[in-house]
Amino acid sequence: MRGEPEHKPLRPSWRCPNCGILWPCSAAKLRLLGEFRENRPGLLLHLAGVQKEAEADLARLNPDATLPDLAPRFVGWAERR
């Protein structure tokens, strides 16, 4: 919809540029659920791919840190619905 902010990830931090919280924010989750309404397996595959991109970006940002498990953040919320 015109005039509404997009809630796409700001890379490489993977935060929502509008909400400032970790992506996917609530608005992004709602958009994704609508986009993949009839294709839950497709949503899960999409989110798994995005998770891999986020892991690579976040590892480059801080190569000495151990990344947390990103599966609950990226895929877990969509599995439970």
PDB file of N, CA and C in Angstrom:
ATOM      1  N   MET A   1       0.829  -1.172   0.000  1.00  0.00           N
ATOM      2  CA  MET A   1       0.000   0.000   0.000  1.00  0.00           C
ATOM      3  C   MET A   1       0.883   1.248   0.000  1.00  0.00           C
ATOM      4  N   ARG A   2       0.529   2.226  -0.749  1.00  0.00           N
ATOM      5  CA  ARG A   2       1.316   3.438  -0.876  1.00  0.00           C
ATOM      6  C   ARG A   2       1.349   4.207   0.433  1.00  0.00           C
ATOM      7  N   GLY A   3       2.512   4.744   0.774  1.00  0.00           N
ATOM      8  CA  GLY A   3       2.649   5.531   1.982  1.00  0.00           C
ATOM      9  C   GLY A   3       3.021   4.740   3.217  1.00  0.00           C
ATOM     10  N   GLU A   4       2.856   3.431   3.187  1.00  0.00           N
ATOM     11  CA  GLU A   4       3.233   2.604   4.325  1.00  0.00           C
ATOM     12  C   GLU A   4       4.702   2.242   4.219  1.00  0.00           C
ATOM     13  N   PRO A   5       5.415   2.275   5.332  1.00  0.00           N
ATOM     14  CA  PRO A   5       6.837   1.926   5.273  1.00  0.00           C
ATOM     15  C   PRO A   5       7.035   0.445   4.977  1.00  0.00           C
ATOM     16  N   GLU A   6       8.101   0.158   4.267  1.00  0.00           N
ATOM     17  CA  GLU A   6       8.436  -1.246   4.012  1.00  0.00           C
ATOM     18  C   GLU A   6       9.224  -1.770   5.194  1.00  0.00           C
ATOM     19  N   HIS A   7       8.942  -2.967   5.544  1.00  0.00           N
ATOM     20  CA  HIS A   7       9.632  -3.605   6.666  1.00  0.00           C
ATOM     21  C   HIS A   7      10.511  -4.712   6.116  1.00  0.00           C
ATOM     22  N   LYS A   8      11.512  -4.290   5.351  1.00  0.00           N
ATOM     23  CA  LYS A   8      12.487  -5.225   4.787  1.00  0.00           C
ATOM     24  C   LYS A   8      13.765  -5.099   5.602  1.00  0.00           C
ATOM     25  N   PRO A   9      14.573  -6.144   5.653  1.00  0.00           N
ATOM     26  CA  PRO A   9      15.763  -6.095   6.504  1.00  0.00           C
ATOM     27  C   PRO A   9      16.797  -5.100   6.002  1.00  0.00           C
ATOM     28  N   LEU A  10      17.398  -4.411   6.944  1.00  0.00           N
ATOM     29  CA  LEU A  10      18.533  -3.548   6.659  1.00  0.00           C
ATOM     30  C   LEU A  10      19.774  -4.410   6.838  1.00  0.00           C
ATOM     31  N   ARG A  11      20.446  -4.645   5.731  1.00  0.00           N
ATOM     32  CA  ARG A  11      21.611  -5.520   5.781  1.00  0.00           C
ATOM     33  C   ARG A  11      22.865  -4.672   5.903  1.00  0.00           C
ATOM     34  N   PRO A  12      23.854  -5.144   6.608  1.00  0.00           N
ATOM     35  CA  PRO A  12      24.076  -6.492   7.125  1.00  0.00           C
ATOM     36  C   PRO A  12      23.614  -6.705   8.564  1.00  0.00           C
ATOM     37  N   SER A  13      22.949  -5.709   9.170  1.00  0.00           N
ATOM     38  CA  SER A  13      22.570  -5.856  10.582  1.00  0.00           C
ATOM     39  C   SER A  13      21.320  -6.709  10.788  1.00  0.00           C
ATOM     40  N   TRP A  14      20.506  -6.850   9.764  1.00  0.00           N
ATOM     41  CA  TRP A  14      19.262  -7.614   9.816  1.00  0.00           C
ATOM     42  C   TRP A  14      18.318  -7.071  10.883  1.00  0.00           C
ATOM     43  N   ARG A  15      18.195  -5.739  10.851  1.00  0.00           N
ATOM     44  CA  ARG A  15      17.202  -5.042  11.669  1.00  0.00           C
ATOM     45  C   ARG A  15      16.215  -4.381  10.731  1.00  0.00           C
ATOM     46  N   CYS A  16      15.026  -4.142  11.212  1.00  0.00           N
ATOM     47  CA  CYS A  16      14.024  -3.440  10.423  1.00  0.00           C
ATOM     48  C   CYS A  16      14.360  -1.950  10.474  1.00  0.00           C
ATOM     49  N   PRO A  17      14.508  -1.296   9.320  1.00  0.00           N
ATOM     50  CA  PRO A  17      14.843   0.125   9.330  1.00  0.00           C
ATOM     51  C   PRO A  17      13.701   1.001   9.850  1.00  0.00           C
ATOM     52  N   ASN A  18      12.488   0.477   9.876  1.00  0.00           N
ATOM     53  CA  ASN A  18      11.344   1.245  10.357  1.00  0.00           C
ATOM     54  C   ASN A  18      11.082   1.034  11.839  1.00  0.00           C
ATOM     55  N   CYS A  19      11.145  -0.210  12.267  1.00  0.00           N
ATOM     56  CA  CYS A  19      10.874  -0.539  13.672  1.00  0.00           C
ATOM     57  C   CYS A  19      12.136  -0.443  14.541  1.00  0.00           C
ATOM     58  N   GLY A  20      13.281  -0.718  13.929  1.00  0.00           N
ATOM     59  CA  GLY A  20      14.530  -0.745  14.676  1.00  0.00           C
ATOM     60  C   GLY A  20      14.768  -2.048  15.414  1.00  0.00           C
ATOM     61  N   ILE A  21      13.840  -2.990  15.272  1.00  0.00           N
ATOM     62  CA  ILE A  21      14.007  -4.265  15.977  1.00  0.00           C
ATOM     63  C   ILE A  21      14.561  -5.314  15.021  1.00  0.00           C
ATOM     64  N   LEU A  22      14.911  -6.454  15.579  1.00  0.00           N
ATOM     65  CA  LEU A  22      15.436  -7.544  14.760  1.00  0.00           C
ATOM     66  C   LEU A  22      14.421  -7.956  13.713  1.00  0.00           C
ATOM     67  N   TRP A  23      14.898  -8.188  12.508  1.00  0.00           N
ATOM     68  CA  TRP A  23      14.039  -8.626  11.422  1.00  0.00           C
ATOM     69  C   TRP A  23      13.985 -10.145  11.408  1.00  0.00           C
ATOM     70  N   PRO A  24      12.855 -10.769  11.165  1.00  0.00           N
ATOM     71  CA  PRO A  24      11.592 -10.185  10.747  1.00  0.00           C
ATOM     72  C   PRO A  24      10.804  -9.601  11.922  1.00  0.00           C
ATOM     73  N   CYS A  25      10.416  -8.350  11.770  1.00  0.00           N
ATOM     74  CA  CYS A  25       9.570  -7.685  12.754  1.00  0.00           C
ATOM     75  C   CYS A  25       8.133  -8.186  12.574  1.00  0.00           C
ATOM     76  N   SER A  26       7.248  -7.748  13.427  1.00  0.00           N
ATOM     77  CA  SER A  26       5.847  -8.192  13.343  1.00  0.00           C
ATOM     78  C   SER A  26       5.215  -7.834  12.008  1.00  0.00           C
ATOM     79  N   ALA A  27       5.494  -6.627  11.519  1.00  0.00           N
ATOM     80  CA  ALA A  27       4.919  -6.202  10.239  1.00  0.00           C
ATOM     81  C   ALA A  27       5.434  -7.069   9.093  1.00  0.00           C
ATOM     82  N   ALA A  28       6.712  -7.417   9.135  1.00  0.00           N
ATOM     83  CA  ALA A  28       7.285  -8.271   8.088  1.00  0.00           C
ATOM     84  C   ALA A  28       6.676  -9.674   8.152  1.00  0.00           C
ATOM     85  N   LYS A  29       6.471 -10.180   9.349  1.00  0.00           N
ATOM     86  CA  LYS A  29       5.865 -11.508   9.495  1.00  0.00           C
ATOM     87  C   LYS A  29       4.453 -11.526   8.911  1.00  0.00           C
ATOM     88  N   LEU A  30       3.686 -10.498   9.204  1.00  0.00           N
ATOM     89  CA  LEU A  30       2.326 -10.421   8.655  1.00  0.00           C
ATOM     90  C   LEU A  30       2.343 -10.356   7.134  1.00  0.00           C
ATOM     91  N   ARG A  31       3.267  -9.556   6.588  1.00  0.00           N
ATOM     92  CA  ARG A  31       3.385  -9.455   5.134  1.00  0.00           C
ATOM     93  C   ARG A  31       3.757 -10.800   4.529  1.00  0.00           C
ATOM     94  N   LEU A  32       4.718 -11.488   5.125  1.00  0.00           N
ATOM     95  CA  LEU A  32       5.147 -12.789   4.621  1.00  0.00           C
ATOM     96  C   LEU A  32       4.030 -13.824   4.701  1.00  0.00           C
ATOM     97  N   LEU A  33       3.286 -13.813   5.810  1.00  0.00           N
ATOM     98  CA  LEU A  33       2.168 -14.752   5.935  1.00  0.00           C
ATOM     99  C   LEU A  33       1.131 -14.512   4.845  1.00  0.00           C
ATOM    100  N   GLY A  34       0.877 -13.262   4.539  1.00  0.00           N
ATOM    101  CA  GLY A  34      -0.060 -12.946   3.469  1.00  0.00           C
ATOM    102  C   GLY A  34       0.475 -13.335   2.107  1.00  0.00           C
ATOM    103  N   GLU A  35       1.741 -13.066   1.893  1.00  0.00           N
ATOM    104  CA  GLU A  35       2.389 -13.372   0.611  1.00  0.00           C
ATOM    105  C   GLU A  35       2.395 -14.878   0.329  1.00  0.00           C
ATOM    106  N   PHE A  36       2.611 -15.660   1.373  1.00  0.00           N
ATOM    107  CA  PHE A  36       2.726 -17.116   1.229  1.00  0.00           C
ATOM    108  C   PHE A  36       1.503 -17.830   1.813  1.00  0.00           C
ATOM    109  N   ARG A  37       0.377 -17.154   1.814  1.00  0.00           N
ATOM    110  CA  ARG A  37      -0.851 -17.671   2.443  1.00  0.00           C
ATOM    111  C   ARG A  37      -1.181 -19.103   2.047  1.00  0.00           C
ATOM    112  N   GLU A  38      -1.054 -19.418   0.786  1.00  0.00           N
ATOM    113  CA  GLU A  38      -1.405 -20.748   0.277  1.00  0.00           C
ATOM    114  C   GLU A  38      -0.192 -21.662   0.098  1.00  0.00           C
ATOM    115  N   ASN A  39       0.949 -21.250   0.608  1.00  0.00           N
ATOM    116  CA  ASN A  39       2.171 -22.007   0.354  1.00  0.00           C
ATOM    117  C   ASN A  39       3.090 -21.991   1.580  1.00  0.00           C
ATOM    118  N   ARG A  40       2.667 -22.667   2.649  1.00  0.00           N
ATOM    119  CA  ARG A  40       3.485 -22.703   3.871  1.00  0.00           C
ATOM    120  C   ARG A  40       4.862 -23.331   3.628  1.00  0.00           C
ATOM    121  N   PRO A  41       4.974 -24.432   2.850  1.00  0.00           N
ATOM    122  CA  PRO A  41       6.306 -24.968   2.571  1.00  0.00           C
ATOM    123  C   PRO A  41       7.196 -23.941   1.855  1.00  0.00           C
ATOM    124  N   GLY A  42       6.614 -23.181   0.948  1.00  0.00           N
ATOM    125  CA  GLY A  42       7.377 -22.146   0.254  1.00  0.00           C
ATOM    126  C   GLY A  42       7.854 -21.068   1.204  1.00  0.00           C
ATOM    127  N   LEU A  43       7.016 -20.695   2.166  1.00  0.00           N
ATOM    128  CA  LEU A  43       7.406 -19.707   3.180  1.00  0.00           C
ATOM    129  C   LEU A  43       8.585 -20.222   3.994  1.00  0.00           C
ATOM    130  N   LEU A  44       8.497 -21.472   4.422  1.00  0.00           N
ATOM    131  CA  LEU A  44       9.575 -22.040   5.234  1.00  0.00           C
ATOM    132  C   LEU A  44      10.879 -22.133   4.453  1.00  0.00           C
ATOM    133  N   LEU A  45      10.796 -22.501   3.180  1.00  0.00           N
ATOM    134  CA  LEU A  45      12.003 -22.548   2.345  1.00  0.00           C
ATOM    135  C   LEU A  45      12.584 -21.151   2.151  1.00  0.00           C
ATOM    136  N   HIS A  46      11.717 -20.185   1.918  1.00  0.00           N
ATOM    137  CA  HIS A  46      12.167 -18.801   1.756  1.00  0.00           C
ATOM    138  C   HIS A  46      12.877 -18.330   3.026  1.00  0.00           C
ATOM    139  N   LEU A  47      12.255 -18.567   4.174  1.00  0.00           N
ATOM    140  CA  LEU A  47      12.839 -18.124   5.438  1.00  0.00           C
ATOM    141  C   LEU A  47      14.156 -18.832   5.749  1.00  0.00           C
ATOM    142  N   ALA A  48      14.265 -20.096   5.393  1.00  0.00           N
ATOM    143  CA  ALA A  48      15.529 -20.823   5.609  1.00  0.00           C
ATOM    144  C   ALA A  48      16.643 -20.206   4.759  1.00  0.00           C
ATOM    145  N   GLY A  49      16.318 -19.816   3.535  1.00  0.00           N
ATOM    146  CA  GLY A  49      17.306 -19.167   2.683  1.00  0.00           C
ATOM    147  C   GLY A  49      17.714 -17.811   3.216  1.00  0.00           C
ATOM    148  N   VAL A  50      16.746 -17.053   3.699  1.00  0.00           N
ATOM    149  CA  VAL A  50      17.028 -15.739   4.270  1.00  0.00           C
ATOM    150  C   VAL A  50      17.877 -15.896   5.530  1.00  0.00           C
ATOM    151  N   GLN A  51      17.582 -16.930   6.305  1.00  0.00           N
ATOM    152  CA  GLN A  51      18.374 -17.186   7.512  1.00  0.00           C
ATOM    153  C   GLN A  51      19.841 -17.417   7.161  1.00  0.00           C
ATOM    154  N   LYS A  52      20.105 -18.177   6.108  1.00  0.00           N
ATOM    155  CA  LYS A  52      21.489 -18.434   5.690  1.00  0.00           C
ATOM    156  C   LYS A  52      22.181 -17.131   5.288  1.00  0.00           C
ATOM    157  N   GLU A  53      21.460 -16.252   4.583  1.00  0.00           N
ATOM    158  CA  GLU A  53      22.019 -14.953   4.210  1.00  0.00           C
ATOM    159  C   GLU A  53      22.347 -14.135   5.456  1.00  0.00           C
ATOM    160  N   ALA A  54      21.445 -14.149   6.424  1.00  0.00           N
ATOM    161  CA  ALA A  54      21.657 -13.401   7.666  1.00  0.00           C
ATOM    162  C   ALA A  54      22.859 -13.958   8.428  1.00  0.00           C
ATOM    163  N   GLU A  55      22.974 -15.274   8.485  1.00  0.00           N
ATOM    164  CA  GLU A  55      24.115 -15.885   9.178  1.00  0.00           C
ATOM    165  C   GLU A  55      25.430 -15.427   8.555  1.00  0.00           C
ATOM    166  N   ALA A  56      25.485 -15.403   7.235  1.00  0.00           N
ATOM    167  CA  ALA A  56      26.711 -14.973   6.546  1.00  0.00           C
ATOM    168  C   ALA A  56      27.003 -13.503   6.823  1.00  0.00           C
ATOM    169  N   ASP A  57      25.985 -12.654   6.724  1.00  0.00           N
ATOM    170  CA  ASP A  57      26.185 -11.220   6.988  1.00  0.00           C
ATOM    171  C   ASP A  57      26.632 -10.967   8.417  1.00  0.00           C
ATOM    172  N   LEU A  58      25.951 -11.593   9.367  1.00  0.00           N
ATOM    173  CA  LEU A  58      26.263 -11.364  10.773  1.00  0.00           C
ATOM    174  C   LEU A  58      27.640 -11.919  11.139  1.00  0.00           C
ATOM    175  N   ALA A  59      28.040 -13.013  10.522  1.00  0.00           N
ATOM    176  CA  ALA A  59      29.381 -13.569  10.771  1.00  0.00           C
ATOM    177  C   ALA A  59      30.459 -12.626  10.239  1.00  0.00           C
ATOM    178  N   ARG A  60      30.184 -11.996   9.099  1.00  0.00           N
ATOM    179  CA  ARG A  60      31.149 -11.022   8.560  1.00  0.00           C
ATOM    180  C   ARG A  60      31.231  -9.774   9.436  1.00  0.00           C
ATOM    181  N   LEU A  61      30.115  -9.374  10.020  1.00  0.00           N
ATOM    182  CA  LEU A  61      30.114  -8.191  10.888  1.00  0.00           C
ATOM    183  C   LEU A  61      30.960  -8.399  12.131  1.00  0.00           C
ATOM    184  N   ASN A  62      30.912  -9.579  12.681  1.00  0.00           N
ATOM    185  CA  ASN A  62      31.638  -9.872  13.909  1.00  0.00           C
ATOM    186  C   ASN A  62      32.212 -11.282  13.826  1.00  0.00           C
ATOM    187  N   PRO A  63      33.329 -11.428  13.109  1.00  0.00           N
ATOM    188  CA  PRO A  63      33.879 -12.763  12.854  1.00  0.00           C
ATOM    189  C   PRO A  63      34.341 -13.514  14.107  1.00  0.00           C
ATOM    190  N   ASP A  64      34.598 -12.817  15.201  1.00  0.00           N
ATOM    191  CA  ASP A  64      35.087 -13.481  16.410  1.00  0.00           C
ATOM    192  C   ASP A  64      33.954 -13.936  17.339  1.00  0.00           C
ATOM    193  N   ALA A  65      32.728 -13.538  17.034  1.00  0.00           N
ATOM    194  CA  ALA A  65      31.607 -13.885  17.908  1.00  0.00           C
ATOM    195  C   ALA A  65      30.960 -15.196  17.466  1.00  0.00           C
ATOM    196  N   THR A  66      30.396 -15.884  18.416  1.00  0.00           N
ATOM    197  CA  THR A  66      29.614 -17.071  18.123  1.00  0.00           C
ATOM    198  C   THR A  66      28.184 -16.622  17.889  1.00  0.00           C
ATOM    199  N   LEU A  67      27.655 -16.971  16.730  1.00  0.00           N
ATOM    200  CA  LEU A  67      26.289 -16.562  16.411  1.00  0.00           C
ATOM    201  C   LEU A  67      25.287 -17.372  17.219  1.00  0.00           C
ATOM    202  N   PRO A  68      24.216 -16.714  17.661  1.00  0.00           N
ATOM    203  CA  PRO A  68      23.153 -17.485  18.310  1.00  0.00           C
ATOM    204  C   PRO A  68      22.426 -18.310  17.259  1.00  0.00           C
ATOM    205  N   ASP A  69      21.628 -19.255  17.706  1.00  0.00           N
ATOM    206  CA  ASP A  69      20.804 -20.040  16.794  1.00  0.00           C
ATOM    207  C   ASP A  69      19.740 -19.110  16.219  1.00  0.00           C
ATOM    208  N   LEU A  70      19.791 -18.888  14.924  1.00  0.00           N
ATOM    209  CA  LEU A  70      18.863 -17.968  14.283  1.00  0.00           C
ATOM    210  C   LEU A  70      17.585 -18.649  13.804  1.00  0.00           C
ATOM    211  N   ALA A  71      17.507 -19.963  13.915  1.00  0.00           N
ATOM    212  CA  ALA A  71      16.331 -20.691  13.429  1.00  0.00           C
ATOM    213  C   ALA A  71      15.029 -20.232  14.095  1.00  0.00           C
ATOM    214  N   PRO A  72      14.975 -20.040  15.412  1.00  0.00           N
ATOM    215  CA  PRO A  72      13.712 -19.583  16.009  1.00  0.00           C
ATOM    216  C   PRO A  72      13.282 -18.218  15.466  1.00  0.00           C
ATOM    217  N   ARG A  73      14.235 -17.353  15.248  1.00  0.00           N
ATOM    218  CA  ARG A  73      13.944 -16.004  14.760  1.00  0.00           C
ATOM    219  C   ARG A  73      13.454 -16.002  13.319  1.00  0.00           C
ATOM    220  N   PHE A  74      14.058 -16.813  12.479  1.00  0.00           N
ATOM    221  CA  PHE A  74      13.732 -16.769  11.061  1.00  0.00           C
ATOM    222  C   PHE A  74      12.695 -17.800  10.637  1.00  0.00           C
ATOM    223  N   VAL A  75      12.776 -19.002  11.153  1.00  0.00           N
ATOM    224  CA  VAL A  75      11.895 -20.067  10.685  1.00  0.00           C
ATOM    225  C   VAL A  75      10.905 -20.520  11.755  1.00  0.00           C
ATOM    226  N   GLY A  76      11.332 -20.518  12.987  1.00  0.00           N
ATOM    227  CA  GLY A  76      10.516 -21.055  14.077  1.00  0.00           C
ATOM    228  C   GLY A  76       9.143 -20.446  14.196  1.00  0.00           C
ATOM    229  N   TRP A  77       9.045 -19.146  14.045  1.00  0.00           N
ATOM    230  CA  TRP A  77       7.739 -18.486  14.180  1.00  0.00           C
ATOM    231  C   TRP A  77       6.760 -18.965  13.121  1.00  0.00           C
ATOM    232  N   ALA A  78       7.236 -19.296  11.934  1.00  0.00           N
ATOM    233  CA  ALA A  78       6.356 -19.703  10.835  1.00  0.00           C
ATOM    234  C   ALA A  78       5.982 -21.176  10.935  1.00  0.00           C
ATOM    235  N   GLU A  79       6.790 -21.972  11.591  1.00  0.00           N
ATOM    236  CA  GLU A  79       6.476 -23.397  11.766  1.00  0.00           C
ATOM    237  C   GLU A  79       5.311 -23.588  12.714  1.00  0.00           C
ATOM    238  N   ARG A  80       5.190 -22.715  13.678  1.00  0.00           N
ATOM    239  CA  ARG A  80       4.200 -22.862  14.750  1.00  0.00           C
ATOM    240  C   ARG A  80       2.794 -22.478  14.330  1.00  0.00           C
ATOM    241  N   ARG A  81       2.635 -21.807  13.236  1.00  0.00           N
ATOM    242  CA  ARG A  81       1.306 -21.279  12.860  1.00  0.00           C
ATOM    243  C   ARG A  81       0.442 -22.331  12.224  1.00  0.00           C
TER     244      ARG A  81
END
